[in-house]
Amino acid sequence: MPLAKSAEKFILRQLDAHKVLTLATQRPDGYPQATIVAFAHDGLDLYVAVDAASQKAKNIRRNGKVSVAVGRDHRDWGRIHALSMAAQAQVLKKRAEIDRAQSALGARFPQLKAMGEADGYPGWAFLRIAPLVISMLDYTQGFGHAELVDLRT
């Protein structure tokens, strides 16, 4: 089923409005590990750059099932707009995929180029996070209001 235009608009507006997300991966001992990371997006695909030797990169190589939260703190709970996602993450290996991630991240974070482009980003891993189920939180419609979008169908 295609994504409704109103849902797509809400999701993209949230992704455009935020530059960091919380990425939860699964550690080897089974516990979740939540980390705040900067991200860029191309449509609904999310891109993140991490240290290739980081625990989150290791976790994703072992198990790509992740959860993502995008939002910000609000004094007035009635104004909360946010996203929560079940997603599939992967450490990119193909040059074209890495180039796409670097392009999206570089467009959003110009400082990224200064940090590693000249020497080819040694020690970096680029992740693609593909949402499968997105919960759209919109408390302007009532406390706890959420709508679910299932992209698996």
N, C-alpha and C. Protein backbone atom coordinates (compact mmCIF):
# COMPACT_ATOMS: atom_id res chain seq x y z
N MET A 1 0.84 -1.18 0.00
CA MET A 1 0.00 0.00 0.00
C MET A 1 0.89 1.24 0.00
N PRO A 2 0.67 2.18 -0.93
CA PRO A 2 1.50 3.38 -0.98
C PRO A 2 1.27 4.27 0.24
N LEU A 3 2.29 5.02 0.57
CA LEU A 3 2.24 5.93 1.71
C LEU A 3 1.32 7.10 1.38
N ALA A 4 0.37 7.39 2.27
CA ALA A 4 -0.54 8.51 2.07
C ALA A 4 0.26 9.81 2.04
N LYS A 5 -0.14 10.73 1.17
CA LYS A 5 0.56 12.01 1.02
C LYS A 5 0.66 12.77 2.34
N SER A 6 -0.43 12.76 3.13
CA SER A 6 -0.40 13.50 4.40
C SER A 6 0.60 12.87 5.38
N ALA A 7 0.69 11.54 5.39
CA ALA A 7 1.65 10.85 6.25
C ALA A 7 3.08 11.14 5.78
N GLU A 8 3.29 11.05 4.48
CA GLU A 8 4.62 11.32 3.93
C GLU A 8 5.06 12.75 4.25
N LYS A 9 4.15 13.70 4.12
CA LYS A 9 4.44 15.10 4.41
C LYS A 9 4.84 15.28 5.88
N PHE A 10 4.07 14.65 6.79
CA PHE A 10 4.36 14.73 8.22
C PHE A 10 5.74 14.16 8.51
N ILE A 11 6.02 12.97 7.98
CA ILE A 11 7.30 12.29 8.23
C ILE A 11 8.47 13.13 7.70
N LEU A 12 8.37 13.58 6.45
CA LEU A 12 9.47 14.37 5.87
C LEU A 12 9.67 15.68 6.59
N ARG A 13 8.59 16.29 7.06
CA ARG A 13 8.70 17.54 7.83
C ARG A 13 9.49 17.29 9.12
N GLN A 14 9.22 16.17 9.78
CA GLN A 14 9.96 15.85 11.00
C GLN A 14 11.43 15.56 10.70
N LEU A 15 11.70 14.82 9.64
CA LEU A 15 13.09 14.52 9.28
C LEU A 15 13.85 15.79 8.90
N ASP A 16 13.17 16.72 8.24
CA ASP A 16 13.81 17.98 7.87
C ASP A 16 14.07 18.86 9.08
N ALA A 17 13.20 18.79 10.08
CA ALA A 17 13.27 19.67 11.24
C ALA A 17 14.31 19.25 12.28
N HIS A 18 14.80 18.03 12.19
CA HIS A 18 15.72 17.51 13.20
C HIS A 18 17.02 17.06 12.54
N LYS A 19 18.11 17.21 13.27
CA LYS A 19 19.40 16.80 12.73
C LYS A 19 20.02 15.64 13.50
N VAL A 20 19.42 15.27 14.62
CA VAL A 20 19.91 14.12 15.38
C VAL A 20 18.74 13.18 15.65
N LEU A 21 19.08 11.93 15.80
CA LEU A 21 18.09 10.92 16.15
C LEU A 21 18.69 10.00 17.19
N THR A 22 17.84 9.25 17.85
CA THR A 22 18.30 8.22 18.77
C THR A 22 18.21 6.90 18.04
N LEU A 23 19.34 6.21 17.96
CA LEU A 23 19.43 4.93 17.28
C LEU A 23 19.63 3.84 18.33
N ALA A 24 18.71 2.90 18.38
CA ALA A 24 18.81 1.79 19.33
C ALA A 24 19.17 0.52 18.56
N THR A 25 20.27 -0.09 18.96
CA THR A 25 20.73 -1.36 18.38
C THR A 25 20.71 -2.41 19.49
N GLN A 26 21.01 -3.64 19.12
CA GLN A 26 21.02 -4.71 20.12
C GLN A 26 22.45 -5.15 20.39
N ARG A 27 22.85 -5.05 21.65
CA ARG A 27 24.19 -5.47 22.06
C ARG A 27 24.27 -7.00 22.06
N PRO A 28 25.48 -7.56 22.07
CA PRO A 28 25.63 -9.02 22.09
C PRO A 28 24.97 -9.69 23.28
N ASP A 29 24.85 -8.96 24.42
CA ASP A 29 24.23 -9.55 25.60
C ASP A 29 22.70 -9.42 25.58
N GLY A 30 22.16 -8.88 24.46
CA GLY A 30 20.72 -8.78 24.31
C GLY A 30 20.11 -7.47 24.73
N TYR A 31 20.86 -6.66 25.48
CA TYR A 31 20.35 -5.37 25.91
C TYR A 31 20.35 -4.37 24.76
N PRO A 32 19.38 -3.46 24.74
CA PRO A 32 19.42 -2.41 23.72
C PRO A 32 20.49 -1.38 24.06
N GLN A 33 21.06 -0.81 23.02
CA GLN A 33 22.02 0.28 23.17
C GLN A 33 21.48 1.45 22.38
N ALA A 34 21.17 2.54 23.05
CA ALA A 34 20.63 3.74 22.40
C ALA A 34 21.71 4.80 22.34
N THR A 35 21.88 5.37 21.16
CA THR A 35 22.91 6.37 20.93
C THR A 35 22.32 7.52 20.12
N ILE A 36 22.70 8.73 20.44
CA ILE A 36 22.27 9.88 19.66
C ILE A 36 23.30 10.10 18.55
N VAL A 37 22.81 10.19 17.32
CA VAL A 37 23.68 10.39 16.16
C VAL A 37 23.07 11.43 15.22
N ALA A 38 23.93 12.14 14.51
CA ALA A 38 23.48 13.06 13.47
C ALA A 38 23.06 12.24 12.27
N PHE A 39 22.09 12.75 11.51
CA PHE A 39 21.62 12.01 10.34
C PHE A 39 21.23 12.95 9.22
N ALA A 40 21.21 12.37 8.03
CA ALA A 40 20.65 13.02 6.85
C ALA A 40 19.65 12.04 6.28
N HIS A 41 18.83 12.52 5.38
CA HIS A 41 17.88 11.59 4.75
C HIS A 41 17.72 11.91 3.28
N ASP A 42 17.38 10.88 2.54
CA ASP A 42 17.03 10.99 1.13
C ASP A 42 15.68 10.30 1.03
N GLY A 43 14.63 11.09 1.01
CA GLY A 43 13.30 10.52 1.14
C GLY A 43 13.19 9.93 2.54
N LEU A 44 12.77 8.67 2.62
CA LEU A 44 12.64 8.02 3.92
C LEU A 44 13.90 7.28 4.34
N ASP A 45 14.87 7.13 3.44
CA ASP A 45 16.14 6.49 3.81
C ASP A 45 16.95 7.44 4.67
N LEU A 46 17.43 6.94 5.81
CA LEU A 46 18.23 7.73 6.74
C LEU A 46 19.69 7.31 6.60
N TYR A 47 20.59 8.27 6.69
CA TYR A 47 22.02 8.00 6.58
C TYR A 47 22.74 8.54 7.81
N VAL A 48 23.68 7.75 8.30
CA VAL A 48 24.44 8.08 9.49
C VAL A 48 25.89 7.69 9.24
N ALA A 49 26.82 8.47 9.76
CA ALA A 49 28.24 8.12 9.73
C ALA A 49 28.68 7.83 11.16
N VAL A 50 29.37 6.71 11.34
CA VAL A 50 29.85 6.32 12.67
C VAL A 50 31.28 5.81 12.55
N ASP A 51 31.92 5.67 13.68
CA ASP A 51 33.23 5.03 13.71
C ASP A 51 33.05 3.56 13.34
N ALA A 52 33.82 3.09 12.40
CA ALA A 52 33.68 1.71 11.91
C ALA A 52 33.89 0.68 13.02
N ALA A 53 34.64 1.04 14.05
CA ALA A 53 34.91 0.11 15.15
C ALA A 53 33.97 0.32 16.33
N SER A 54 32.98 1.20 16.20
CA SER A 54 32.07 1.49 17.31
C SER A 54 31.18 0.30 17.63
N GLN A 55 30.68 0.29 18.86
CA GLN A 55 29.79 -0.79 19.27
C GLN A 55 28.52 -0.81 18.42
N LYS A 56 27.99 0.37 18.09
CA LYS A 56 26.76 0.39 17.28
C LYS A 56 27.01 -0.20 15.90
N ALA A 57 28.17 0.07 15.29
CA ALA A 57 28.48 -0.52 13.98
C ALA A 57 28.60 -2.04 14.11
N LYS A 58 29.25 -2.49 15.16
CA LYS A 58 29.37 -3.95 15.40
C LYS A 58 27.99 -4.57 15.61
N ASN A 59 27.15 -3.89 16.39
CA ASN A 59 25.80 -4.40 16.64
C ASN A 59 25.02 -4.54 15.34
N ILE A 60 25.11 -3.55 14.48
CA ILE A 60 24.36 -3.57 13.22
C ILE A 60 24.90 -4.64 12.28
N ARG A 61 26.20 -4.83 12.26
CA ARG A 61 26.75 -5.91 11.41
C ARG A 61 26.20 -7.26 11.83
N ARG A 62 25.96 -7.43 13.13
CA ARG A 62 25.46 -8.70 13.66
C ARG A 62 23.94 -8.81 13.52
N ASN A 63 23.23 -7.68 13.74
CA ASN A 63 21.77 -7.69 13.71
C ASN A 63 21.30 -6.31 13.26
N GLY A 64 20.75 -6.25 12.06
CA GLY A 64 20.35 -4.98 11.49
C GLY A 64 19.01 -4.44 11.97
N LYS A 65 18.33 -5.16 12.85
CA LYS A 65 17.06 -4.66 13.37
C LYS A 65 17.34 -3.55 14.37
N VAL A 66 16.82 -2.35 14.09
CA VAL A 66 17.05 -1.20 14.96
C VAL A 66 15.74 -0.47 15.22
N SER A 67 15.78 0.38 16.22
CA SER A 67 14.69 1.32 16.48
C SER A 67 15.28 2.72 16.42
N VAL A 68 14.45 3.65 15.96
CA VAL A 68 14.88 5.04 15.79
C VAL A 68 13.82 5.94 16.41
N ALA A 69 14.26 7.00 17.06
CA ALA A 69 13.34 8.02 17.56
C ALA A 69 13.86 9.38 17.09
N VAL A 70 12.94 10.19 16.57
CA VAL A 70 13.27 11.53 16.10
C VAL A 70 12.29 12.50 16.76
N GLY A 71 12.81 13.48 17.47
CA GLY A 71 11.94 14.45 18.13
C GLY A 71 12.76 15.41 18.95
N ARG A 72 12.06 16.26 19.66
CA ARG A 72 12.74 17.21 20.53
C ARG A 72 11.95 17.40 21.81
N ASP A 73 12.60 17.99 22.78
CA ASP A 73 11.99 18.27 24.07
C ASP A 73 10.99 19.42 23.92
N HIS A 74 9.82 19.29 24.54
CA HIS A 74 8.81 20.34 24.54
C HIS A 74 8.35 20.60 25.97
N ARG A 75 8.26 21.85 26.33
CA ARG A 75 7.69 22.20 27.65
C ARG A 75 6.21 21.87 27.67
N ASP A 76 5.55 22.13 26.56
CA ASP A 76 4.11 21.88 26.43
C ASP A 76 3.92 20.56 25.70
N TRP A 77 3.54 19.52 26.41
CA TRP A 77 3.37 18.20 25.81
C TRP A 77 2.34 18.21 24.68
N GLY A 78 1.44 19.16 24.71
CA GLY A 78 0.43 19.25 23.67
C GLY A 78 0.98 19.68 22.33
N ARG A 79 2.28 19.99 22.27
CA ARG A 79 2.90 20.41 21.02
C ARG A 79 3.86 19.36 20.46
N ILE A 80 3.93 18.20 21.07
CA ILE A 80 4.89 17.18 20.63
C ILE A 80 4.54 16.67 19.24
N HIS A 81 5.54 16.70 18.38
CA HIS A 81 5.52 16.06 17.06
C HIS A 81 6.79 15.23 17.01
N ALA A 82 6.70 13.95 16.69
CA ALA A 82 7.88 13.12 16.70
C ALA A 82 7.64 11.86 15.86
N LEU A 83 8.71 11.12 15.67
CA LEU A 83 8.64 9.84 14.96
C LEU A 83 9.32 8.77 15.79
N SER A 84 8.79 7.58 15.70
CA SER A 84 9.41 6.40 16.27
C SER A 84 9.35 5.34 15.18
N MET A 85 10.45 4.62 14.97
CA MET A 85 10.50 3.69 13.85
C MET A 85 11.10 2.34 14.22
N ALA A 86 10.57 1.32 13.61
CA ALA A 86 11.24 0.02 13.53
C ALA A 86 11.88 0.03 12.15
N ALA A 87 13.15 -0.31 12.08
CA ALA A 87 13.86 -0.17 10.82
C ALA A 87 14.90 -1.27 10.64
N GLN A 88 15.41 -1.33 9.43
CA GLN A 88 16.50 -2.25 9.09
C GLN A 88 17.71 -1.40 8.75
N ALA A 89 18.81 -1.61 9.46
CA ALA A 89 20.03 -0.84 9.21
C ALA A 89 21.10 -1.74 8.62
N GLN A 90 21.98 -1.11 7.86
CA GLN A 90 23.11 -1.86 7.31
C GLN A 90 24.31 -0.94 7.19
N VAL A 91 25.49 -1.55 7.36
CA VAL A 91 26.73 -0.84 7.10
C VAL A 91 26.96 -0.96 5.60
N LEU A 92 27.07 0.18 4.94
CA LEU A 92 27.17 0.18 3.48
C LEU A 92 28.54 -0.30 3.02
N LYS A 93 28.54 -1.07 1.93
CA LYS A 93 29.78 -1.61 1.39
C LYS A 93 30.02 -1.22 -0.05
N LYS A 94 28.96 -1.07 -0.82
CA LYS A 94 29.10 -0.74 -2.24
C LYS A 94 29.42 0.74 -2.39
N ARG A 95 30.36 1.04 -3.27
CA ARG A 95 30.82 2.41 -3.47
C ARG A 95 29.67 3.37 -3.79
N ALA A 96 28.75 2.97 -4.67
CA ALA A 96 27.64 3.85 -5.05
C ALA A 96 26.76 4.17 -3.84
N GLU A 97 26.55 3.19 -2.96
CA GLU A 97 25.73 3.41 -1.76
C GLU A 97 26.44 4.34 -0.78
N ILE A 98 27.74 4.14 -0.63
CA ILE A 98 28.53 5.00 0.26
C ILE A 98 28.54 6.43 -0.28
N ASP A 99 28.70 6.57 -1.60
CA ASP A 99 28.69 7.90 -2.21
C ASP A 99 27.35 8.61 -1.96
N ARG A 100 26.26 7.86 -2.05
CA ARG A 100 24.93 8.44 -1.82
C ARG A 100 24.82 8.92 -0.37
N ALA A 101 25.29 8.10 0.57
CA ALA A 101 25.26 8.48 1.98
C ALA A 101 26.13 9.71 2.23
N GLN A 102 27.34 9.72 1.67
CA GLN A 102 28.25 10.85 1.86
C GLN A 102 27.66 12.13 1.26
N SER A 103 27.01 11.99 0.13
CA SER A 103 26.39 13.15 -0.51
C SER A 103 25.27 13.73 0.35
N ALA A 104 24.40 12.86 0.86
CA ALA A 104 23.29 13.31 1.71
C ALA A 104 23.82 13.94 2.99
N LEU A 105 24.78 13.29 3.62
CA LEU A 105 25.34 13.82 4.86
C LEU A 105 26.12 15.11 4.62
N GLY A 106 26.87 15.16 3.52
CA GLY A 106 27.66 16.35 3.20
C GLY A 106 26.78 17.56 2.90
N ALA A 107 25.63 17.32 2.26
CA ALA A 107 24.71 18.41 1.96
C ALA A 107 24.12 18.99 3.25
N ARG A 108 23.87 18.13 4.22
CA ARG A 108 23.26 18.59 5.47
C ARG A 108 24.28 19.11 6.47
N PHE A 109 25.46 18.52 6.42
CA PHE A 109 26.53 18.88 7.37
C PHE A 109 27.80 19.20 6.59
N PRO A 110 27.96 20.43 6.11
CA PRO A 110 29.13 20.79 5.32
C PRO A 110 30.46 20.49 6.03
N GLN A 111 30.45 20.51 7.36
CA GLN A 111 31.67 20.24 8.12
C GLN A 111 32.15 18.81 7.93
N LEU A 112 31.29 17.93 7.47
CA LEU A 112 31.67 16.53 7.25
C LEU A 112 32.81 16.44 6.25
N LYS A 113 32.77 17.24 5.21
CA LYS A 113 33.82 17.20 4.19
C LYS A 113 35.17 17.52 4.80
N ALA A 114 35.21 18.52 5.67
CA ALA A 114 36.47 18.90 6.30
C ALA A 114 36.99 17.81 7.24
N MET A 115 36.09 16.98 7.73
CA MET A 115 36.48 15.96 8.70
C MET A 115 37.09 14.71 8.08
N GLY A 116 36.86 14.46 6.79
CA GLY A 116 37.39 13.20 6.29
C GLY A 116 37.45 13.03 4.80
N GLU A 117 36.83 13.91 4.04
CA GLU A 117 36.76 13.71 2.59
C GLU A 117 38.14 13.66 1.95
N ALA A 118 39.05 14.52 2.38
CA ALA A 118 40.36 14.60 1.76
C ALA A 118 41.13 13.28 1.82
N ASP A 119 40.96 12.55 2.91
CA ASP A 119 41.69 11.29 3.04
C ASP A 119 40.80 10.06 2.92
N GLY A 120 39.57 10.24 2.43
CA GLY A 120 38.70 9.10 2.15
C GLY A 120 37.95 8.54 3.34
N TYR A 121 37.80 9.32 4.40
CA TYR A 121 37.06 8.90 5.59
C TYR A 121 37.60 7.58 6.18
N PRO A 122 38.88 7.51 6.47
CA PRO A 122 39.40 6.27 7.05
C PRO A 122 38.80 6.01 8.43
N GLY A 123 38.41 4.78 8.66
CA GLY A 123 37.85 4.40 9.95
C GLY A 123 36.38 4.74 10.11
N TRP A 124 35.75 5.26 9.07
CA TRP A 124 34.34 5.61 9.13
C TRP A 124 33.52 4.47 8.55
N ALA A 125 32.30 4.35 9.05
CA ALA A 125 31.30 3.44 8.47
C ALA A 125 30.07 4.28 8.18
N PHE A 126 29.50 4.08 7.01
CA PHE A 126 28.28 4.79 6.64
C PHE A 126 27.12 3.81 6.69
N LEU A 127 26.06 4.23 7.38
CA LEU A 127 24.89 3.37 7.59
C LEU A 127 23.71 3.88 6.78
N ARG A 128 22.92 2.95 6.29
CA ARG A 128 21.61 3.28 5.74
C ARG A 128 20.59 2.64 6.64
N ILE A 129 19.60 3.41 7.04
CA ILE A 129 18.53 2.92 7.90
C ILE A 129 17.24 3.05 7.10
N ALA A 130 16.61 1.91 6.84
CA ALA A 130 15.37 1.88 6.05
C ALA A 130 14.20 1.61 6.98
N PRO A 131 13.32 2.59 7.18
CA PRO A 131 12.17 2.39 8.06
C PRO A 131 11.23 1.31 7.52
N LEU A 132 10.71 0.51 8.43
CA LEU A 132 9.72 -0.52 8.08
C LEU A 132 8.35 -0.16 8.64
N VAL A 133 8.34 0.31 9.88
CA VAL A 133 7.11 0.75 10.54
C VAL A 133 7.42 2.08 11.21
N ILE A 134 6.57 3.07 10.93
CA ILE A 134 6.78 4.41 11.50
C ILE A 134 5.56 4.79 12.32
N SER A 135 5.82 5.19 13.56
CA SER A 135 4.77 5.73 14.41
C SER A 135 4.91 7.25 14.39
N MET A 136 3.86 7.91 13.92
CA MET A 136 3.86 9.38 13.84
C MET A 136 3.14 9.91 15.08
N LEU A 137 3.88 10.58 15.95
CA LEU A 137 3.30 11.14 17.17
C LEU A 137 2.91 12.58 16.92
N ASP A 138 1.66 12.90 17.23
CA ASP A 138 1.15 14.26 17.06
C ASP A 138 0.21 14.57 18.21
N TYR A 139 0.79 15.10 19.28
CA TYR A 139 0.01 15.35 20.49
C TYR A 139 -0.90 16.56 20.34
N THR A 140 -0.80 17.32 19.24
CA THR A 140 -1.74 18.41 19.01
C THR A 140 -3.14 17.83 18.77
N GLN A 141 -3.20 16.53 18.47
CA GLN A 141 -4.48 15.86 18.26
C GLN A 141 -4.94 15.12 19.51
N GLY A 142 -4.24 15.31 20.62
CA GLY A 142 -4.58 14.66 21.88
C GLY A 142 -3.37 13.97 22.46
N PHE A 143 -3.33 13.92 23.80
CA PHE A 143 -2.19 13.31 24.48
C PHE A 143 -2.02 11.86 24.03
N GLY A 144 -0.81 11.52 23.61
CA GLY A 144 -0.49 10.15 23.20
C GLY A 144 -0.93 9.79 21.79
N HIS A 145 -1.47 10.76 21.03
CA HIS A 145 -1.96 10.45 19.68
C HIS A 145 -0.82 9.99 18.78
N ALA A 146 -1.00 8.84 18.18
CA ALA A 146 -0.01 8.30 17.24
C ALA A 146 -0.74 7.58 16.12
N GLU A 147 -0.17 7.66 14.95
CA GLU A 147 -0.66 6.92 13.79
C GLU A 147 0.47 6.06 13.27
N LEU A 148 0.13 4.84 12.93
CA LEU A 148 1.13 3.87 12.47
C LEU A 148 1.12 3.77 10.95
N VAL A 149 2.32 3.80 10.38
CA VAL A 149 2.49 3.60 8.94
C VAL A 149 3.34 2.35 8.76
N ASP A 150 2.81 1.34 8.11
CA ASP A 150 3.53 0.10 7.87
C ASP A 150 4.03 0.09 6.44
N LEU A 151 5.31 0.19 6.26
CA LEU A 151 5.91 0.23 4.93
C LEU A 151 6.29 -1.16 4.41
N ARG A 152 6.04 -2.18 5.21
CA ARG A 152 6.40 -3.55 4.81
C ARG A 152 5.43 -4.11 3.78
N THR A 153 4.24 -3.53 3.65
CA THR A 153 3.24 -4.09 2.74
C THR A 153 3.30 -3.49 1.36
